[in-house]
Amino acid sequence: MPRLHRVRRRTLRALMPAALLASAFTTGLFADDAPTIRTIAPSKSFLLVSVDDMRGSVERFKKTPLHELWKSETVQTAVADEWKEFNESISKRLEELGLPEDTLSWPVSGGLAMFLERNEELDTSEPMFVAIADWGDGADKMAAFFDASLAEVAKETPDAIETKEIRGRKATIFTPPTPAPQEPDPFSGMGADPMPKIEKIVYVRDGSRFLLSSGTYAMEDALTAIDVPPTKLVTDEEDARGALQQIGSGDVVAILRTGPLAPMVEQMAMGPAALVLPLLGQLFGDIQAYGFSVTVDAPVGMLDSTITVYTPEGRKGLLTLVDEGPVAPAPAIVPQDAIGYSHINVAFGKTMDLVDSIVAGMPEEFAENIDQSLQMYGPTLRKAFAVLGPDVHVYTAISQPITPDSESSTVAIACSDEQAVIPLINMFAPMMGFESRDFVGQTI
């Protein structure tokens, strides 16, 4: 069983986006057996993002103190201008399209997948996407919005819109305008453009579901998967399955697979950047997938985010420095009114041994310069790291009254011998612009 690296974050830091999102969610119909991004995404997808039950997420969000905070007079006053501007822009847009105020709503469920397709003409691998959203009983109103928007584009630029039939559905194909020529990039020779221009966007309505893709072939494959469910899904791939098993359930779940992404990474790392690639294995080991999830009203927090790293061969490199610890109450240093808190276990004492092993595997021309720095700073670093950790606490607080500058973050690292760390601070703090001073009997 591959070892698990997991970092939990209990936070209200996402107050603004989460509350804005949740307050706009709509209720609707949701069928467990309906097609989702997991069932239509190509098995070669490198990115998969899934939100399976937005309605349930909203209902759980409304039960949390986070929702109460969002509805409080203090927060509503702080966001009043931005919220008013947002609502007015939506109303103006709907009026321009001749649609009623209740047209827009959030989907019941949705998801996105990205994958690479080979462009033989350019001899490159290009990223493509397919997205799906189910609007339930709000589908007709959303279709009216999409149709009116596309009709407006067709009226202004007729050549930008065309329609065709794909697997018995009407498909609208939008060709974005060609961007104006830009000055040559002096660094363009260092690697391929990771996100080339999307040439076509395809839109299809399928009942209460709406699909978007970056090409007709991608749309045809997605609709085929709806009509004839595939026998093997992207979630059946070993790396995807492993990451999903580690991350468990969540209101929002995402995975990033390194194998299918490798061709694009190699393109980006052409030229001088290619020298970095051999070091990645030493730094991180064989990472086959990353996982991320957010759960609303979870047992350990109102918004509980989980990050996982799927490494079948076990953790190597930097990952060996971080370990999962038990979920425990926050220490006294964390104030009661903190809005976010994270606890990470870091084996600082192993840092210098890891650095030595990485440097030993570097090309001689790079290792020589680093060796000189290690001879100068190594003893001080080793002595300091030996007494640090493993507990690292990170918390976020907001001062009253709430303003754009109210938020502050603090990182606290356990230390068993402060005298051993002072030389490290004295050595590197001035380089980063820090100055020491006395404060209530302490040096800060």
Protein backbone atom coordinates (compact mmCIF):
# COMPACT_ATOMS: atom_id res chain seq x y z
CA MET A 1 0.00 0.00 0.00
CA PRO A 2 1.56 3.34 -1.00
CA ARG A 3 2.28 5.67 1.84
CA LEU A 4 0.03 8.63 2.26
CA HIS A 5 1.02 12.24 2.58
CA ARG A 6 -1.95 14.29 3.72
CA VAL A 7 -2.21 17.85 4.94
CA ARG A 8 -5.50 19.01 6.45
CA ARG A 9 -6.44 22.67 6.63
CA ARG A 10 -9.28 23.90 8.80
CA THR A 11 -9.96 27.37 7.57
CA LEU A 12 -12.43 30.14 7.06
CA ARG A 13 -10.01 31.83 4.74
CA ALA A 14 -12.24 30.95 1.79
CA LEU A 15 -15.05 33.01 3.36
CA MET A 16 -15.50 35.36 0.46
CA PRO A 17 -15.42 32.97 -2.54
CA ALA A 18 -17.10 30.14 -0.69
CA ALA A 19 -19.88 32.29 0.64
CA LEU A 20 -20.47 34.03 -2.68
CA LEU A 21 -20.56 30.68 -4.41
CA ALA A 22 -22.81 29.00 -1.89
CA SER A 23 -25.24 31.90 -1.68
CA ALA A 24 -25.86 31.63 -5.43
CA PHE A 25 -26.31 27.86 -5.66
CA THR A 26 -29.65 26.61 -6.88
CA THR A 27 -31.55 23.56 -5.78
CA GLY A 28 -32.45 21.07 -8.46
CA LEU A 29 -32.85 17.49 -9.53
CA PHE A 30 -29.89 15.17 -9.21
CA ALA A 31 -29.72 11.58 -10.41
CA ASP A 32 -26.98 9.37 -9.05
CA ASP A 33 -26.82 7.39 -12.30
CA ALA A 34 -26.62 10.46 -14.56
CA PRO A 35 -23.47 10.98 -16.65
CA THR A 36 -20.77 12.92 -14.82
CA ILE A 37 -17.30 14.10 -15.68
CA ARG A 38 -15.95 10.85 -14.26
CA THR A 39 -17.93 8.83 -16.79
CA ILE A 40 -17.21 10.95 -19.88
CA ALA A 41 -13.60 12.06 -19.29
CA PRO A 42 -11.05 10.33 -21.54
CA SER A 43 -8.93 7.75 -19.74
CA LYS A 44 -5.86 9.81 -20.74
CA SER A 45 -7.07 12.87 -18.79
CA PHE A 46 -4.36 14.50 -16.69
CA LEU A 47 -6.75 16.75 -14.74
CA LEU A 48 -10.14 15.81 -13.32
CA VAL A 49 -12.30 18.16 -11.24
CA SER A 50 -15.68 16.98 -9.97
CA VAL A 51 -18.48 18.62 -7.98
CA ASP A 52 -21.14 15.95 -7.63
CA ASP A 53 -23.78 17.51 -5.36
CA MET A 54 -23.83 21.28 -5.16
CA ARG A 55 -27.27 21.30 -3.53
CA GLY A 56 -26.04 19.19 -0.63
CA SER A 57 -22.97 21.41 -0.29
CA VAL A 58 -25.16 24.48 0.07
CA GLU A 59 -27.39 22.89 2.68
CA ARG A 60 -24.37 21.85 4.74
CA PHE A 61 -22.81 25.27 4.34
CA LYS A 62 -25.94 26.93 5.72
CA LYS A 63 -25.54 24.95 8.94
CA THR A 64 -22.06 26.30 9.67
CA PRO A 65 -20.98 29.40 11.63
CA LEU A 66 -19.21 30.42 8.43
CA HIS A 67 -22.60 31.09 6.84
CA GLU A 68 -23.67 33.07 9.90
CA LEU A 69 -20.49 35.13 9.62
CA TRP A 70 -21.16 35.78 5.94
CA LYS A 71 -24.68 37.01 6.76
CA SER A 72 -23.47 39.19 9.65
CA GLU A 73 -23.81 42.95 9.43
CA THR A 74 -20.04 43.44 9.64
CA VAL A 75 -19.24 41.27 6.63
CA GLN A 76 -22.21 42.46 4.60
CA THR A 77 -21.13 46.05 5.16
CA ALA A 78 -17.57 45.22 4.10
CA VAL A 79 -18.69 43.65 0.81
CA ALA A 80 -21.66 45.89 0.12
CA ASP A 81 -20.07 47.89 -2.71
CA GLU A 82 -18.57 44.87 -4.49
CA TRP A 83 -21.76 42.84 -4.07
CA LYS A 84 -23.88 45.70 -5.43
CA GLU A 85 -21.58 46.15 -8.42
CA PHE A 86 -21.68 42.42 -9.14
CA ASN A 87 -25.48 42.23 -8.98
CA GLU A 88 -25.89 45.31 -11.15
CA SER A 89 -23.57 43.91 -13.82
CA ILE A 90 -25.58 40.66 -13.91
CA SER A 91 -28.89 42.53 -14.12
CA LYS A 92 -27.57 44.74 -16.91
CA ARG A 93 -26.37 41.76 -18.89
CA LEU A 94 -29.71 39.96 -18.58
CA GLU A 95 -31.54 43.12 -19.61
CA GLU A 96 -29.33 43.39 -22.72
CA LEU A 97 -30.27 39.83 -23.65
CA GLY A 98 -33.96 40.38 -22.91
CA LEU A 99 -34.06 37.75 -20.17
CA PRO A 100 -35.75 37.80 -16.72
CA GLU A 101 -33.85 38.35 -13.48
CA ASP A 102 -34.19 34.72 -12.34
CA THR A 103 -32.51 33.28 -15.45
CA LEU A 104 -29.10 32.51 -13.99
CA SER A 105 -28.44 29.80 -11.45
CA TRP A 106 -25.60 27.50 -10.47
CA PRO A 107 -25.64 23.91 -11.73
CA VAL A 108 -26.67 20.98 -9.60
CA SER A 109 -23.43 19.21 -10.45
CA GLY A 110 -20.50 19.67 -12.78
CA GLY A 111 -16.95 18.82 -13.67
CA LEU A 112 -13.96 19.45 -15.91
CA ALA A 113 -11.35 17.21 -17.51
CA MET A 114 -8.18 18.16 -19.38
CA PHE A 115 -6.10 15.89 -21.57
CA LEU A 116 -3.45 16.06 -24.28
CA GLU A 117 -3.93 15.50 -28.01
CA ARG A 118 -1.07 15.09 -30.41
CA ASN A 119 -0.79 17.76 -33.13
CA GLU A 120 1.14 15.94 -35.83
CA GLU A 121 1.42 19.05 -37.98
CA LEU A 122 3.16 21.04 -35.25
CA ASP A 123 4.75 17.99 -33.61
CA THR A 124 3.47 18.99 -30.19
CA SER A 125 1.03 17.77 -27.55
CA GLU A 126 -1.78 20.27 -27.01
CA PRO A 127 -4.08 20.50 -23.97
CA MET A 128 -7.79 19.95 -24.61
CA PHE A 129 -10.77 20.09 -22.27
CA VAL A 130 -14.28 18.80 -21.83
CA ALA A 131 -16.72 20.10 -19.23
CA ILE A 132 -20.21 19.06 -18.16
CA ALA A 133 -22.81 20.67 -15.91
CA ASP A 134 -26.29 19.49 -14.97
CA TRP A 135 -28.74 22.33 -14.31
CA GLY A 136 -31.68 20.15 -13.27
CA ASP A 137 -34.94 22.08 -13.29
CA GLY A 138 -33.09 25.28 -14.19
CA ALA A 139 -31.91 23.89 -17.53
CA ASP A 140 -34.44 25.68 -19.76
CA LYS A 141 -33.60 29.10 -18.32
CA MET A 142 -29.88 28.50 -18.63
CA ALA A 143 -30.36 27.30 -22.22
CA ALA A 144 -32.14 30.58 -22.97
CA PHE A 145 -29.14 32.47 -21.59
CA PHE A 146 -26.61 30.47 -23.61
CA ASP A 147 -28.70 30.71 -26.79
CA ALA A 148 -29.19 34.47 -26.43
CA SER A 149 -25.47 35.00 -25.80
CA LEU A 150 -24.49 32.94 -28.84
CA ALA A 151 -27.10 34.69 -31.00
CA GLU A 152 -25.59 38.03 -29.98
CA VAL A 153 -22.13 36.83 -31.03
CA ALA A 154 -23.50 35.49 -34.32
CA LYS A 155 -25.12 38.85 -35.05
CA GLU A 156 -21.91 40.79 -34.41
CA THR A 157 -19.47 38.31 -36.01
CA PRO A 158 -21.38 35.81 -38.19
CA ASP A 159 -18.24 33.90 -39.13
CA ALA A 160 -17.51 33.10 -35.48
CA ILE A 161 -20.54 30.82 -35.04
CA GLU A 162 -21.49 27.66 -36.90
CA THR A 163 -23.75 24.73 -36.10
CA LYS A 164 -23.59 21.05 -36.92
CA GLU A 165 -24.98 17.80 -35.63
CA ILE A 166 -22.88 15.58 -33.38
CA ARG A 167 -24.37 12.23 -32.40
CA GLY A 168 -27.91 13.49 -32.90
CA ARG A 169 -27.46 16.72 -30.91
CA LYS A 170 -27.21 20.27 -32.13
CA ALA A 171 -23.67 21.51 -31.59
CA THR A 172 -22.78 25.20 -31.69
CA ILE A 173 -19.14 25.86 -32.55
CA PHE A 174 -17.58 29.17 -31.55
CA THR A 175 -14.30 30.29 -33.10
CA PRO A 176 -12.61 32.88 -30.86
CA PRO A 177 -11.12 35.91 -32.61
CA THR A 178 -7.46 35.76 -33.51
CA PRO A 179 -5.47 37.84 -30.99
CA ALA A 180 -3.42 40.76 -32.22
CA PRO A 181 0.25 39.99 -32.99
CA GLN A 182 2.56 40.46 -30.03
CA GLU A 183 6.20 41.36 -29.74
CA PRO A 184 8.50 38.32 -29.92
CA ASP A 185 9.25 36.83 -26.51
CA PRO A 186 13.03 36.68 -25.96
CA PHE A 187 12.49 33.65 -23.74
CA SER A 188 10.19 31.79 -26.14
CA GLY A 189 13.02 29.48 -27.14
CA MET A 190 13.20 28.11 -23.60
CA GLY A 191 10.12 25.96 -24.05
CA ALA A 192 6.80 25.45 -25.78
CA ASP A 193 3.74 27.47 -24.87
CA PRO A 194 1.98 25.34 -22.22
CA MET A 195 -1.45 26.74 -23.11
CA PRO A 196 -1.72 27.35 -26.86
CA LYS A 197 -4.67 29.27 -28.26
CA ILE A 198 -7.98 27.39 -28.21
CA GLU A 199 -9.15 27.41 -31.80
CA LYS A 200 -12.75 26.24 -31.28
CA ILE A 201 -15.19 25.85 -28.40
CA VAL A 202 -18.08 23.44 -28.89
CA TYR A 203 -21.35 23.77 -26.95
CA VAL A 204 -24.07 21.12 -26.72
CA ARG A 205 -27.23 20.80 -24.65
CA ASP A 206 -28.23 17.24 -23.75
CA GLY A 207 -31.43 17.34 -21.73
CA SER A 208 -30.67 19.06 -18.43
CA ARG A 209 -26.93 18.71 -19.10
CA PHE A 210 -24.69 21.20 -20.89
CA LEU A 211 -21.33 20.26 -22.36
CA LEU A 212 -18.37 22.33 -23.54
CA SER A 213 -15.24 21.09 -25.26
CA SER A 214 -12.22 22.49 -27.06
CA GLY A 215 -12.93 20.64 -30.32
CA THR A 216 -15.48 18.56 -32.18
CA TYR A 217 -13.59 15.30 -31.65
CA ALA A 218 -13.57 15.83 -27.89
CA MET A 219 -17.30 16.56 -27.94
CA GLU A 220 -18.03 13.49 -30.05
CA ASP A 221 -16.09 11.30 -27.62
CA ALA A 222 -17.96 12.80 -24.65
CA LEU A 223 -21.38 12.25 -26.23
CA THR A 224 -20.39 8.73 -27.21
CA ALA A 225 -19.55 8.04 -23.57
CA ILE A 226 -23.04 9.27 -22.62
CA ASP A 227 -24.77 7.10 -25.24
CA VAL A 228 -22.57 4.04 -24.77
CA PRO A 229 -20.97 4.09 -21.30
CA PRO A 230 -17.32 3.02 -21.61
CA THR A 231 -16.12 -0.15 -19.93
CA LYS A 232 -13.04 1.59 -18.52
CA LEU A 233 -13.07 5.05 -16.98
CA VAL A 234 -10.27 7.44 -16.12
CA THR A 235 -11.01 6.62 -12.48
CA ASP A 236 -10.13 2.99 -13.22
CA GLU A 237 -6.53 3.93 -14.04
CA GLU A 238 -4.21 2.85 -11.23
CA ASP A 239 -2.83 6.31 -10.47
CA ALA A 240 -6.24 8.00 -10.53
CA ARG A 241 -7.80 5.25 -8.45
CA GLY A 242 -4.97 5.42 -5.92
CA ALA A 243 -5.25 9.19 -5.50
CA LEU A 244 -9.04 9.04 -5.18
CA GLN A 245 -8.85 6.27 -2.58
CA GLN A 246 -6.42 8.32 -0.53
CA ILE A 247 -8.43 11.51 -0.72
CA GLY A 248 -11.80 9.92 -0.01
CA SER A 249 -15.02 11.87 -0.50
CA GLY A 250 -15.50 15.61 -0.72
CA ASP A 251 -17.80 18.30 -2.03
CA VAL A 252 -15.10 19.24 -4.53
CA VAL A 253 -12.59 16.59 -5.64
CA ALA A 254 -9.69 17.06 -8.05
CA ILE A 255 -6.78 14.91 -9.19
CA LEU A 256 -3.72 15.72 -11.30
CA ARG A 257 -1.97 12.76 -12.98
CA THR A 258 1.70 13.28 -13.80
CA GLY A 259 2.00 10.47 -16.36
CA PRO A 260 -0.48 11.81 -18.94
CA LEU A 261 0.87 15.32 -18.30
CA ALA A 262 4.51 14.36 -18.95
CA PRO A 263 4.62 15.19 -22.71
CA MET A 264 3.58 18.79 -22.06
CA VAL A 265 6.03 19.14 -19.16
CA GLU A 266 8.83 17.93 -21.42
CA GLN A 267 7.84 20.49 -24.07
CA MET A 268 7.88 23.27 -21.48
CA ALA A 269 11.29 22.14 -20.22
CA MET A 270 13.12 22.50 -23.52
CA GLY A 271 16.36 24.45 -23.48
CA PRO A 272 18.02 25.47 -20.18
CA ALA A 273 14.97 24.42 -18.18
CA ALA A 274 15.59 20.80 -19.23
CA LEU A 275 18.50 20.70 -16.79
CA VAL A 276 16.00 20.85 -13.92
CA LEU A 277 14.09 17.69 -14.88
CA PRO A 278 16.69 15.16 -13.64
CA LEU A 279 16.53 16.77 -10.20
CA LEU A 280 12.78 16.38 -9.82
CA GLY A 281 13.01 12.65 -9.17
CA GLN A 282 15.52 13.25 -6.39
CA LEU A 283 13.46 16.05 -4.90
CA PHE A 284 10.06 14.37 -4.95
CA GLY A 285 10.42 10.73 -5.95
CA ASP A 286 7.96 8.93 -8.21
CA ILE A 287 4.82 11.03 -7.75
CA GLN A 288 2.15 9.62 -10.04
CA ALA A 289 -0.80 11.76 -8.95
CA TYR A 290 -1.87 14.60 -6.71
CA GLY A 291 -5.29 14.79 -5.08
CA PHE A 292 -7.25 17.66 -3.58
CA SER A 293 -10.65 17.88 -1.95
CA VAL A 294 -12.80 20.35 -0.04
CA THR A 295 -15.55 19.18 2.31
CA VAL A 296 -18.16 21.51 3.76
CA ASP A 297 -19.17 21.05 7.42
CA ALA A 298 -16.69 18.22 7.98
CA PRO A 299 -16.00 16.67 11.40
CA VAL A 300 -12.73 18.61 11.78
CA GLY A 301 -13.75 21.95 10.32
CA MET A 302 -16.35 24.02 8.54
CA LEU A 303 -14.23 23.88 5.39
CA ASP A 304 -11.88 20.91 5.45
CA SER A 305 -9.38 20.68 2.60
CA THR A 306 -7.22 17.63 2.02
CA ILE A 307 -4.14 17.30 -0.19
CA THR A 308 -2.68 13.92 -1.09
CA VAL A 309 0.34 12.72 -3.03
CA TYR A 310 0.15 9.25 -4.59
CA THR A 311 3.60 7.63 -4.56
CA PRO A 312 3.40 3.83 -5.09
CA GLU A 313 7.10 3.36 -4.31
CA GLY A 314 6.87 5.27 -1.05
CA ARG A 315 7.93 8.80 -0.24
CA LYS A 316 11.32 10.06 -1.31
CA GLY A 317 13.17 13.35 -1.26
CA LEU A 318 11.32 16.28 0.24
CA LEU A 319 8.26 14.15 0.94
CA THR A 320 10.21 12.21 3.56
CA LEU A 321 10.39 15.40 5.62
CA VAL A 322 6.62 15.69 6.00
CA ASP A 323 4.53 13.16 7.88
CA GLU A 324 0.88 12.87 8.86
CA GLY A 325 0.12 13.43 12.49
CA PRO A 326 -3.00 12.90 14.58
CA VAL A 327 -5.71 15.55 14.50
CA ALA A 328 -5.26 17.38 17.81
CA PRO A 329 -6.52 20.60 19.41
CA ALA A 330 -4.66 23.74 18.40
CA PRO A 331 -1.96 24.86 20.87
CA ALA A 332 -2.38 27.89 23.10
CA ILE A 333 -0.41 30.08 20.70
CA VAL A 334 -3.33 29.95 18.27
CA PRO A 335 -5.91 32.58 19.29
CA GLN A 336 -9.51 31.57 19.85
CA ASP A 337 -10.71 33.92 17.11
CA ALA A 338 -8.35 32.52 14.44
CA ILE A 339 -10.22 31.99 11.17
CA GLY A 340 -7.85 29.34 9.82
CA TYR A 341 -5.44 26.80 11.25
CA SER A 342 -3.08 24.16 9.83
CA HIS A 343 -0.76 21.71 11.57
CA ILE A 344 2.11 20.06 9.68
CA ASN A 345 4.82 17.69 10.95
CA VAL A 346 8.19 18.48 9.38
CA ALA A 347 11.34 16.47 10.15
CA PHE A 348 13.75 19.43 10.00
CA GLY A 349 16.55 17.28 11.42
CA LYS A 350 16.71 15.26 8.18
CA THR A 351 16.97 18.33 5.95
CA MET A 352 20.75 18.59 5.61
CA ASP A 353 21.21 14.87 4.96
CA LEU A 354 18.65 15.18 2.18
CA VAL A 355 20.42 18.23 0.75
CA ASP A 356 23.72 16.36 0.74
CA SER A 357 22.19 13.41 -1.13
CA ILE A 358 20.58 15.68 -3.72
CA VAL A 359 23.79 17.62 -4.32
CA ALA A 360 25.69 14.37 -4.71
CA GLY A 361 23.42 13.45 -7.62
CA MET A 362 23.80 16.77 -9.43
CA PRO A 363 26.05 17.40 -12.44
CA GLU A 364 29.49 18.41 -11.27
CA GLU A 365 29.25 21.96 -12.64
CA PHE A 366 26.20 22.64 -10.44
CA ALA A 367 27.30 20.66 -7.40
CA GLU A 368 30.62 22.51 -7.11
CA ASN A 369 29.02 25.91 -6.44
CA ILE A 370 26.50 24.46 -3.99
CA ASP A 371 29.23 22.56 -2.15
CA GLN A 372 31.03 25.83 -1.51
CA SER A 373 27.87 27.32 0.01
CA LEU A 374 27.30 24.22 2.13
CA GLN A 375 30.82 24.40 3.50
CA MET A 376 30.15 27.99 4.56
CA TYR A 377 26.59 27.72 5.88
CA GLY A 378 26.13 23.97 6.41
CA PRO A 379 27.27 23.70 10.06
CA THR A 380 24.98 26.55 11.16
CA LEU A 381 22.05 25.13 9.22
CA ARG A 382 22.55 21.61 10.54
CA LYS A 383 22.76 22.79 14.16
CA ALA A 384 19.60 24.88 13.83
CA PHE A 385 17.53 22.29 11.96
CA ALA A 386 18.39 19.68 14.59
CA VAL A 387 16.36 21.53 17.24
CA LEU A 388 13.43 22.65 15.08
CA GLY A 389 10.08 20.88 14.73
CA PRO A 390 8.52 18.61 14.04
CA ASP A 391 5.39 20.67 14.82
CA VAL A 392 4.64 23.56 12.46
CA HIS A 393 1.51 25.58 13.19
CA VAL A 394 0.05 28.06 10.71
CA TYR A 395 -2.91 30.23 11.59
CA THR A 396 -4.77 33.15 10.06
CA ALA A 397 -6.55 35.92 11.94
CA ILE A 398 -8.66 38.92 10.98
CA SER A 399 -8.66 42.15 12.95
CA GLN A 400 -11.72 44.34 13.43
CA PRO A 401 -13.07 46.34 11.71
CA ILE A 402 -12.79 44.21 8.59
CA THR A 403 -10.82 45.88 5.79
CA PRO A 404 -8.76 44.55 2.86
CA ASP A 405 -5.72 44.67 5.20
CA SER A 406 -7.35 42.95 8.18
CA GLU A 407 -6.01 39.47 7.47
CA SER A 408 -2.67 38.32 8.91
CA SER A 409 -0.92 34.95 8.97
CA THR A 410 1.52 33.47 11.49
CA VAL A 411 3.83 30.47 11.22
CA ALA A 412 5.05 28.96 14.51
CA ILE A 413 7.71 26.24 14.54
CA ALA A 414 8.49 24.21 17.65
CA CYS A 415 12.05 24.67 18.94
CA SER A 416 13.82 22.74 21.70
CA ASP A 417 16.88 25.03 21.92
CA GLU A 418 16.42 28.62 20.85
CA GLN A 419 20.12 29.42 21.32
CA ALA A 420 20.97 26.98 18.53
CA VAL A 421 18.67 28.83 16.11
CA ILE A 422 19.79 32.39 16.86
CA PRO A 423 22.96 32.14 14.69
CA LEU A 424 20.78 31.02 11.76
CA ILE A 425 18.45 33.97 12.24
CA ASN A 426 21.34 36.41 12.61
CA MET A 427 22.91 35.05 9.43
CA PHE A 428 19.91 35.10 7.08
CA ALA A 429 17.46 37.66 8.51
CA PRO A 430 19.40 40.73 7.28
CA MET A 431 19.55 39.21 3.79
CA MET A 432 15.73 39.21 3.74
CA GLY A 433 15.39 42.76 5.08
CA PHE A 434 14.56 41.84 8.69
CA GLU A 435 15.78 43.89 11.65
CA SER A 436 15.77 42.74 15.30
CA ARG A 437 14.32 44.77 18.15
CA ASP A 438 13.22 44.29 21.76
CA PHE A 439 9.52 43.73 22.40
CA VAL A 440 8.04 43.01 25.87
CA GLY A 441 11.24 41.34 26.97
CA GLN A 442 11.66 39.30 23.79
CA THR A 443 13.70 39.79 20.64
CA ILE A 444 11.67 39.95 17.45
